[in-house]
Amino acid sequence: MTYQKFAYLYDSLMEDVPYDRWVDWVLALSRKYQVDGNEVLDLACGTGELSVRLAKAGLSVAGVDLSEDMLAVAQVKAETNALKIPFYHQDMTELTSLGTFDMVGIFCDSLNYLPEEEDVVKTFAGVFQHLKPGGLFLFDVHSLFKMDVIFHDSPFTYNDEDISYIWECFPSEHPHSVEHELTFFVRDEMTGQYDRIDEYHYQRTYEIEQYKSFLLDAGFELLEISGDFSAEWPKPEAERILFAARKPK
């Protein structure tokens, strides 16, 4: 997935995303599990919105994304905020030579964009190699309820003077997977006309027990699982499942 023109629309469409809740979650867990340092690797960082907020919270952040367009937006955003955040163009399934970090995060359900189990396994192995002993691995994913129920209520629509979209979701071939077809109409400021942009996305999630298995097989110690940024085990209708794991010392 390259996102291409979508990269430049992304922040406008994500204005309601609770980024600060991820920041609070990362800071709370770093304190709770007494992480020694403050170096964070933000995988699938997109336009860098969360990377910037983590850096503003006092963490030393590096970002990785597959999309050069997303990284271009992220770099400008970091410079605008007078922050020195290195961004790397890599596939999170093939991480290499980034050094080691006190924490690694895959936020905003980015892990769900990996199409195969093998991709998740490779990503977890790469994260393990890029963590210092005792370092935390934090990630969140869509729940089965979100994938199998909420997404199936599409189409979803949004209508604004500058951007409108039609978002349709379809069950895909694997269990708990969804294909997203998005059509955007974006107003050109120069002409006043609307440009059409079509995007296709695929997401897949797994049962909680499967994620636990992925983590344990990669060598992690599982610390906690919660739902929707609460401190509790995910409820049946939770939409987001959050995992915290640790690389043994």
C-alpha atoms as a PDB file:
ATOM      1  CA  MET A   1       0.000   0.000   0.000  1.00  0.00           C
ATOM      2  CA  THR A   2       1.478   3.369  -0.983  1.00  0.00           C
ATOM      3  CA  TYR A   3      -1.467   5.673  -0.190  1.00  0.00           C
ATOM      4  CA  GLN A   4      -0.264   8.106  -2.905  1.00  0.00           C
ATOM      5  CA  LYS A   5      -2.705  11.067  -3.059  1.00  0.00           C
ATOM      6  CA  PHE A   6      -4.519   9.707  -0.018  1.00  0.00           C
ATOM      7  CA  ALA A   7      -1.552  10.779   2.123  1.00  0.00           C
ATOM      8  CA  TYR A   8      -2.445  14.410   1.605  1.00  0.00           C
ATOM      9  CA  LEU A   9      -6.084  13.868   2.605  1.00  0.00           C
ATOM     10  CA  TYR A  10      -5.348  11.660   5.573  1.00  0.00           C
ATOM     11  CA  ASP A  11      -5.096  14.256   8.334  1.00  0.00           C
ATOM     12  CA  SER A  12      -8.286  16.000   7.275  1.00  0.00           C
ATOM     13  CA  LEU A  13     -10.159  12.722   7.517  1.00  0.00           C
ATOM     14  CA  MET A  14      -8.573  11.721  10.840  1.00  0.00           C
ATOM     15  CA  GLU A  15      -9.373  14.877  12.812  1.00  0.00           C
ATOM     16  CA  ASP A  16     -11.578  12.971  15.260  1.00  0.00           C
ATOM     17  CA  VAL A  17      -9.056  10.211  15.977  1.00  0.00           C
ATOM     18  CA  PRO A  18      -8.120  10.259  19.710  1.00  0.00           C
ATOM     19  CA  TYR A  19      -4.341  10.435  19.252  1.00  0.00           C
ATOM     20  CA  ASP A  20      -3.820  11.767  22.766  1.00  0.00           C
ATOM     21  CA  ARG A  21      -5.273   8.573  24.192  1.00  0.00           C
ATOM     22  CA  TRP A  22      -2.443   6.618  22.563  1.00  0.00           C
ATOM     23  CA  VAL A  23       0.065   9.089  24.000  1.00  0.00           C
ATOM     24  CA  ASP A  24      -1.440   8.704  27.476  1.00  0.00           C
ATOM     25  CA  TRP A  25      -1.427   4.920  27.081  1.00  0.00           C
ATOM     26  CA  VAL A  26       2.246   4.810  26.088  1.00  0.00           C
ATOM     27  CA  LEU A  27       3.302   7.122  28.916  1.00  0.00           C
ATOM     28  CA  ALA A  28       1.237   5.231  31.497  1.00  0.00           C
ATOM     29  CA  LEU A  29       2.667   1.848  30.520  1.00  0.00           C
ATOM     30  CA  SER A  30       6.236   3.139  30.378  1.00  0.00           C
ATOM     31  CA  ARG A  31       5.810   4.279  33.992  1.00  0.00           C
ATOM     32  CA  LYS A  32       3.922   1.176  35.102  1.00  0.00           C
ATOM     33  CA  TYR A  33       6.550  -1.202  33.752  1.00  0.00           C
ATOM     34  CA  GLN A  34       9.494   1.045  34.640  1.00  0.00           C
ATOM     35  CA  VAL A  35      10.995   1.367  31.182  1.00  0.00           C
ATOM     36  CA  ASP A  36      14.557   2.610  31.556  1.00  0.00           C
ATOM     37  CA  GLY A  37      14.736   4.963  28.565  1.00  0.00           C
ATOM     38  CA  ASN A  38      12.510   7.078  26.355  1.00  0.00           C
ATOM     39  CA  GLU A  39      13.392   5.983  22.814  1.00  0.00           C
ATOM     40  CA  VAL A  40      10.320   4.977  20.802  1.00  0.00           C
ATOM     41  CA  LEU A  41      10.006   3.470  17.329  1.00  0.00           C
ATOM     42  CA  ASP A  42       6.646   4.349  15.774  1.00  0.00           C
ATOM     43  CA  LEU A  43       5.943   1.723  13.108  1.00  0.00           C
ATOM     44  CA  ALA A  44       3.491   2.530  10.313  1.00  0.00           C
ATOM     45  CA  CYS A  45       3.708   6.131  11.471  1.00  0.00           C
ATOM     46  CA  GLY A  46       1.756   7.494   8.506  1.00  0.00           C
ATOM     47  CA  THR A  47       1.758  11.292   8.390  1.00  0.00           C
ATOM     48  CA  GLY A  48       3.586  11.438  11.713  1.00  0.00           C
ATOM     49  CA  GLU A  49       0.723  12.844  13.764  1.00  0.00           C
ATOM     50  CA  LEU A  50       1.296  10.456  16.642  1.00  0.00           C
ATOM     51  CA  SER A  51       5.086  10.618  16.277  1.00  0.00           C
ATOM     52  CA  VAL A  52       4.919  14.386  16.751  1.00  0.00           C
ATOM     53  CA  ARG A  53       2.629  14.117  19.763  1.00  0.00           C
ATOM     54  CA  LEU A  54       4.856  11.497  21.391  1.00  0.00           C
ATOM     55  CA  ALA A  55       7.882  13.724  20.822  1.00  0.00           C
ATOM     56  CA  LYS A  56       6.066  16.706  22.323  1.00  0.00           C
ATOM     57  CA  ALA A  57       5.360  14.521  25.368  1.00  0.00           C
ATOM     58  CA  GLY A  58       9.116  14.195  25.918  1.00  0.00           C
ATOM     59  CA  LEU A  59       9.905  10.938  24.129  1.00  0.00           C
ATOM     60  CA  SER A  60      12.713  10.451  21.622  1.00  0.00           C
ATOM     61  CA  VAL A  61      10.865   9.195  18.546  1.00  0.00           C
ATOM     62  CA  ALA A  62      11.757   7.624  15.207  1.00  0.00           C
ATOM     63  CA  GLY A  63       9.127   6.753  12.610  1.00  0.00           C
ATOM     64  CA  VAL A  64       8.840   4.086   9.923  1.00  0.00           C
ATOM     65  CA  ASP A  65       6.337   3.843   7.092  1.00  0.00           C
ATOM     66  CA  LEU A  66       5.939   2.063   3.771  1.00  0.00           C
ATOM     67  CA  SER A  67       4.583   5.151   2.012  1.00  0.00           C
ATOM     68  CA  GLU A  68       7.028   7.798   0.855  1.00  0.00           C
ATOM     69  CA  ASP A  69       4.123  10.220   0.462  1.00  0.00           C
ATOM     70  CA  MET A  70       3.086   9.725   4.069  1.00  0.00           C
ATOM     71  CA  LEU A  71       6.683  10.216   5.208  1.00  0.00           C
ATOM     72  CA  ALA A  72       6.977  13.435   3.211  1.00  0.00           C
ATOM     73  CA  VAL A  73       3.969  14.821   5.087  1.00  0.00           C
ATOM     74  CA  ALA A  74       5.412  13.567   8.391  1.00  0.00           C
ATOM     75  CA  GLN A  75       8.770  15.254   7.771  1.00  0.00           C
ATOM     76  CA  VAL A  76       7.148  18.616   7.091  1.00  0.00           C
ATOM     77  CA  LYS A  77       5.003  18.217  10.195  1.00  0.00           C
ATOM     78  CA  ALA A  78       8.042  17.498  12.383  1.00  0.00           C
ATOM     79  CA  GLU A  79       9.961  20.459  10.967  1.00  0.00           C
ATOM     80  CA  THR A  80       6.977  22.763  11.430  1.00  0.00           C
ATOM     81  CA  ASN A  81       6.935  21.774  15.100  1.00  0.00           C
ATOM     82  CA  ALA A  82      10.736  22.221  15.403  1.00  0.00           C
ATOM     83  CA  LEU A  83      11.177  18.535  16.225  1.00  0.00           C
ATOM     84  CA  LYS A  84      14.031  16.298  15.133  1.00  0.00           C
ATOM     85  CA  ILE A  85      12.314  13.028  14.279  1.00  0.00           C
ATOM     86  CA  PRO A  86      14.106  10.662  11.892  1.00  0.00           C
ATOM     87  CA  PHE A  87      11.743   8.941   9.483  1.00  0.00           C
ATOM     88  CA  TYR A  88      12.634   5.761   7.613  1.00  0.00           C
ATOM     89  CA  HIS A  89      11.112   4.279   4.482  1.00  0.00           C
ATOM     90  CA  GLN A  90      10.779   0.595   5.339  1.00  0.00           C
ATOM     91  CA  ASP A  91       8.256  -2.218   5.321  1.00  0.00           C
ATOM     92  CA  MET A  92       7.452  -3.191   8.908  1.00  0.00           C
ATOM     93  CA  THR A  93       7.620  -6.856   7.888  1.00  0.00           C
ATOM     94  CA  GLU A  94      11.263  -6.362   6.875  1.00  0.00           C
ATOM     95  CA  LEU A  95      12.773  -4.047   9.475  1.00  0.00           C
ATOM     96  CA  THR A  96      16.523  -3.661   9.292  1.00  0.00           C
ATOM     97  CA  SER A  97      19.383  -1.646  10.812  1.00  0.00           C
ATOM     98  CA  LEU A  98      17.313   0.798  12.839  1.00  0.00           C
ATOM     99  CA  GLY A  99      19.078   0.205  16.141  1.00  0.00           C
ATOM    100  CA  THR A 100      17.323  -0.760  19.355  1.00  0.00           C
ATOM    101  CA  PHE A 101      14.620   1.095  21.261  1.00  0.00           C
ATOM    102  CA  ASP A 102      13.030   1.167  24.706  1.00  0.00           C
ATOM    103  CA  MET A 103       9.558   0.901  23.165  1.00  0.00           C
ATOM    104  CA  VAL A 104       8.139  -0.049  19.784  1.00  0.00           C
ATOM    105  CA  GLY A 105       4.559   0.772  18.856  1.00  0.00           C
ATOM    106  CA  ILE A 106       2.199  -0.123  16.022  1.00  0.00           C
ATOM    107  CA  PHE A 107      -0.769   2.145  16.574  1.00  0.00           C
ATOM    108  CA  CYS A 108      -4.068   3.072  14.919  1.00  0.00           C
ATOM    109  CA  ASP A 109      -4.818  -0.554  13.899  1.00  0.00           C
ATOM    110  CA  SER A 110      -1.957  -0.399  11.371  1.00  0.00           C
ATOM    111  CA  LEU A 111      -1.122  -4.042  12.048  1.00  0.00           C
ATOM    112  CA  ASN A 112      -4.465  -4.999  10.511  1.00  0.00           C
ATOM    113  CA  TYR A 113      -3.217  -3.952   7.072  1.00  0.00           C
ATOM    114  CA  LEU A 114      -0.891  -6.960   6.922  1.00  0.00           C
ATOM    115  CA  PRO A 115      -2.601  -9.503   4.648  1.00  0.00           C
ATOM    116  CA  GLU A 116      -1.080 -12.792   5.845  1.00  0.00           C
ATOM    117  CA  GLU A 117      -0.281 -14.477   9.147  1.00  0.00           C
ATOM    118  CA  GLU A 118       3.313 -14.768   7.997  1.00  0.00           C
ATOM    119  CA  ASP A 119       3.490 -10.978   7.751  1.00  0.00           C
ATOM    120  CA  VAL A 120       2.458 -10.589  11.381  1.00  0.00           C
ATOM    121  CA  VAL A 121       4.985 -13.217  12.443  1.00  0.00           C
ATOM    122  CA  LYS A 122       7.793 -11.453  10.541  1.00  0.00           C
ATOM    123  CA  THR A 123       6.796  -8.088  11.979  1.00  0.00           C
ATOM    124  CA  PHE A 124       6.825  -9.379  15.553  1.00  0.00           C
ATOM    125  CA  ALA A 125      10.240 -10.969  14.975  1.00  0.00           C
ATOM    126  CA  GLY A 126      11.583  -7.665  13.636  1.00  0.00           C
ATOM    127  CA  VAL A 127      10.143  -5.740  16.566  1.00  0.00           C
ATOM    128  CA  PHE A 128      11.788  -8.189  18.979  1.00  0.00           C
ATOM    129  CA  GLN A 129      15.166  -7.601  17.329  1.00  0.00           C
ATOM    130  CA  HIS A 130      14.766  -3.813  17.547  1.00  0.00           C
ATOM    131  CA  LEU A 131      13.847  -3.739  21.239  1.00  0.00           C
ATOM    132  CA  LYS A 132      16.285  -3.441  24.099  1.00  0.00           C
ATOM    133  CA  PRO A 133      15.990  -6.133  26.789  1.00  0.00           C
ATOM    134  CA  GLY A 134      13.096  -5.116  29.020  1.00  0.00           C
ATOM    135  CA  GLY A 135      11.630  -2.957  26.247  1.00  0.00           C
ATOM    136  CA  LEU A 136       7.900  -2.707  25.597  1.00  0.00           C
ATOM    137  CA  PHE A 137       5.998  -3.659  22.454  1.00  0.00           C
ATOM    138  CA  LEU A 138       2.641  -1.863  22.279  1.00  0.00           C
ATOM    139  CA  PHE A 139       0.031  -2.281  19.566  1.00  0.00           C
ATOM    140  CA  ASP A 140      -3.695  -2.157  18.947  1.00  0.00           C
ATOM    141  CA  VAL A 141      -5.941  -3.958  16.473  1.00  0.00           C
ATOM    142  CA  HIS A 142      -9.542  -4.006  15.362  1.00  0.00           C
ATOM    143  CA  SER A 143     -11.696  -6.404  17.345  1.00  0.00           C
ATOM    144  CA  LEU A 144     -13.678  -9.214  15.768  1.00  0.00           C
ATOM    145  CA  PHE A 145     -16.796  -7.185  16.535  1.00  0.00           C
ATOM    146  CA  LYS A 146     -15.467  -4.201  14.579  1.00  0.00           C
ATOM    147  CA  MET A 147     -14.481  -6.339  11.593  1.00  0.00           C
ATOM    148  CA  ASP A 148     -17.441  -8.710  11.497  1.00  0.00           C
ATOM    149  CA  VAL A 149     -20.286  -6.400  12.548  1.00  0.00           C
ATOM    150  CA  ILE A 150     -19.550  -2.675  12.390  1.00  0.00           C
ATOM    151  CA  PHE A 151     -17.761  -2.654   9.052  1.00  0.00           C
ATOM    152  CA  HIS A 152     -20.547  -4.724   7.539  1.00  0.00           C
ATOM    153  CA  ASP A 153     -22.957  -1.849   8.202  1.00  0.00           C
ATOM    154  CA  SER A 154     -21.436   0.123   5.315  1.00  0.00           C
ATOM    155  CA  PRO A 155     -21.680   2.185   3.234  1.00  0.00           C
ATOM    156  CA  PHE A 156     -20.448   5.120   5.283  1.00  0.00           C
ATOM    157  CA  THR A 157     -20.547   8.621   3.861  1.00  0.00           C
ATOM    158  CA  TYR A 158     -19.061  12.007   4.662  1.00  0.00           C
ATOM    159  CA  ASN A 159     -19.974  15.297   3.053  1.00  0.00           C
ATOM    160  CA  ASP A 160     -18.046  18.520   3.492  1.00  0.00           C
ATOM    161  CA  GLU A 161     -17.470  21.569   1.334  1.00  0.00           C
ATOM    162  CA  ASP A 162     -13.886  20.538   0.552  1.00  0.00           C
ATOM    163  CA  ILE A 163     -13.920  16.725   0.899  1.00  0.00           C
ATOM    164  CA  SER A 164     -16.658  14.140   0.513  1.00  0.00           C
ATOM    165  CA  TYR A 165     -16.391  10.371   0.406  1.00  0.00           C
ATOM    166  CA  ILE A 166     -18.294   7.132   0.001  1.00  0.00           C
ATOM    167  CA  TRP A 167     -16.791   4.232   1.962  1.00  0.00           C
ATOM    168  CA  GLU A 168     -17.984   0.691   1.306  1.00  0.00           C
ATOM    169  CA  CYS A 169     -16.793  -2.454   3.089  1.00  0.00           C
ATOM    170  CA  PHE A 170     -17.036  -6.051   1.940  1.00  0.00           C
ATOM    171  CA  PRO A 171     -16.140  -9.310   3.687  1.00  0.00           C
ATOM    172  CA  SER A 172     -12.970 -10.747   2.181  1.00  0.00           C
ATOM    173  CA  GLU A 173     -11.772 -14.318   1.709  1.00  0.00           C
ATOM    174  CA  HIS A 174     -10.109 -14.830   5.094  1.00  0.00           C
ATOM    175  CA  PRO A 175     -12.030 -14.956   8.381  1.00  0.00           C
ATOM    176  CA  HIS A 176     -12.309 -11.526  10.039  1.00  0.00           C
ATOM    177  CA  SER A 177     -11.039  -9.657   6.979  1.00  0.00           C
ATOM    178  CA  VAL A 178     -12.535  -6.723   5.116  1.00  0.00           C
ATOM    179  CA  GLU A 179     -11.997  -4.960   1.812  1.00  0.00           C
ATOM    180  CA  HIS A 180     -12.510  -1.199   1.853  1.00  0.00           C
ATOM    181  CA  GLU A 181     -13.411   0.688  -1.297  1.00  0.00           C
ATOM    182  CA  LEU A 182     -13.247   4.456  -0.858  1.00  0.00           C
ATOM    183  CA  THR A 183     -14.168   7.138  -3.355  1.00  0.00           C
ATOM    184  CA  PHE A 184     -13.158  10.699  -2.477  1.00  0.00           C
ATOM    185  CA  PHE A 185     -14.249  13.927  -4.089  1.00  0.00           C
ATOM    186  CA  VAL A 186     -11.753  16.667  -3.265  1.00  0.00           C
ATOM    187  CA  ARG A 187     -12.278  20.317  -4.112  1.00  0.00           C
ATOM    188  CA  ASP A 188      -9.515  21.958  -6.153  1.00  0.00           C
ATOM    189  CA  GLU A 189      -8.939  25.405  -4.637  1.00  0.00           C
ATOM    190  CA  MET A 190      -7.823  26.854  -7.965  1.00  0.00           C
ATOM    191  CA  THR A 191     -10.726  25.701 -10.147  1.00  0.00           C
ATOM    192  CA  GLY A 192     -13.461  24.975  -7.617  1.00  0.00           C
ATOM    193  CA  GLN A 193     -13.998  21.628  -9.308  1.00  0.00           C
ATOM    194  CA  TYR A 194     -13.891  18.300  -7.502  1.00  0.00           C
ATOM    195  CA  ASP A 195     -11.260  15.672  -8.247  1.00  0.00           C
ATOM    196  CA  ARG A 196     -12.154  12.019  -7.774  1.00  0.00           C
ATOM    197  CA  ILE A 197      -9.689   9.762  -5.947  1.00  0.00           C
ATOM    198  CA  ASP A 198     -10.306   6.028  -5.558  1.00  0.00           C
ATOM    199  CA  GLU A 199      -8.601   3.981  -2.852  1.00  0.00           C
ATOM    200  CA  TYR A 200      -8.636   0.278  -2.006  1.00  0.00           C
ATOM    201  CA  HIS A 201      -7.631  -1.022   1.418  1.00  0.00           C
ATOM    202  CA  TYR A 202      -7.577  -4.465   2.981  1.00  0.00           C
ATOM    203  CA  GLN A 203      -7.627  -5.258   6.688  1.00  0.00           C
ATOM    204  CA  ARG A 204      -7.528  -8.497   8.616  1.00  0.00           C
ATOM    205  CA  THR A 205      -7.622  -9.274  12.311  1.00  0.00           C
ATOM    206  CA  TYR A 206      -7.409 -12.379  14.492  1.00  0.00           C
ATOM    207  CA  GLU A 207      -8.781 -13.719  17.723  1.00  0.00           C
ATOM    208  CA  ILE A 208      -7.070 -12.522  20.896  1.00  0.00           C
ATOM    209  CA  GLU A 209      -5.656 -15.990  21.520  1.00  0.00           C
ATOM    210  CA  GLN A 210      -3.979 -15.938  18.117  1.00  0.00           C
ATOM    211  CA  TYR A 211      -2.264 -12.639  18.864  1.00  0.00           C
ATOM    212  CA  LYS A 212      -1.102 -14.065  22.184  1.00  0.00           C
ATOM    213  CA  SER A 213       0.357 -17.025  20.316  1.00  0.00           C
ATOM    214  CA  PHE A 214       2.141 -14.747  17.827  1.00  0.00           C
ATOM    215  CA  LEU A 215       3.695 -12.814  20.711  1.00  0.00           C
ATOM    216  CA  LEU A 216       4.802 -15.823  22.730  1.00  0.00           C
ATOM    217  CA  ASP A 217       6.258 -17.548  19.670  1.00  0.00           C
ATOM    218  CA  ALA A 218       8.309 -14.418  18.949  1.00  0.00           C
ATOM    219  CA  GLY A 219       9.764 -14.539  22.463  1.00  0.00           C
ATOM    220  CA  PHE A 220       7.723 -11.831  24.149  1.00  0.00           C
ATOM    221  CA  GLU A 221       6.322 -11.819  27.661  1.00  0.00           C
ATOM    222  CA  LEU A 222       2.650 -10.818  27.515  1.00  0.00           C
ATOM    223  CA  LEU A 223       1.879  -8.089  30.039  1.00  0.00           C
ATOM    224  CA  GLU A 224      -1.731  -7.057  29.502  1.00  0.00           C
ATOM    225  CA  ILE A 225      -4.659  -6.888  27.100  1.00  0.00           C
ATOM    226  CA  SER A 226      -7.378  -4.252  27.277  1.00  0.00           C
ATOM    227  CA  GLY A 227     -10.233  -2.813  25.257  1.00  0.00           C
ATOM    228  CA  ASP A 228     -10.963   0.701  23.990  1.00  0.00           C
ATOM    229  CA  PHE A 229      -8.301   2.389  26.152  1.00  0.00           C
ATOM    230  CA  SER A 230      -9.852   1.136  29.363  1.00  0.00           C
ATOM    231  CA  ALA A 231      -7.891  -0.759  31.984  1.00  0.00           C
ATOM    232  CA  GLU A 232     -10.248  -3.714  31.629  1.00  0.00           C
ATOM    233  CA  TRP A 233     -10.346  -6.888  29.590  1.00  0.00           C
ATOM    234  CA  PRO A 234     -12.120  -6.164  26.257  1.00  0.00           C
ATOM    235  CA  LYS A 235     -15.894  -6.314  26.437  1.00  0.00           C
ATOM    236  CA  PRO A 236     -17.802  -8.246  23.725  1.00  0.00           C
ATOM    237  CA  GLU A 237     -18.561  -5.052  21.818  1.00  0.00           C
ATOM    238  CA  ALA A 238     -15.149  -3.438  22.225  1.00  0.00           C
ATOM    239  CA  GLU A 239     -13.908  -2.042  18.933  1.00  0.00           C
ATOM    240  CA  ARG A 240     -10.183  -1.762  19.654  1.00  0.00           C
ATOM    241  CA  ILE A 241      -7.998  -4.322  21.420  1.00  0.00           C
ATOM    242  CA  LEU A 242      -4.749  -3.080  22.959  1.00  0.00           C
ATOM    243  CA  PHE A 243      -1.767  -5.301  23.734  1.00  0.00           C
ATOM    244  CA  ALA A 244       1.308  -4.683  25.876  1.00  0.00           C
ATOM    245  CA  ALA A 245       4.224  -7.110  25.753  1.00  0.00           C
ATOM    246  CA  ARG A 246       7.838  -7.035  26.883  1.00  0.00           C
ATOM    247  CA  LYS A 247      11.137  -8.385  25.638  1.00  0.00           C
ATOM    248  CA  PRO A 248      12.635 -10.350  28.554  1.00  0.00           C
ATOM    249  CA  LYS A 249      15.742  -8.922  30.175  1.00  0.00           C
END
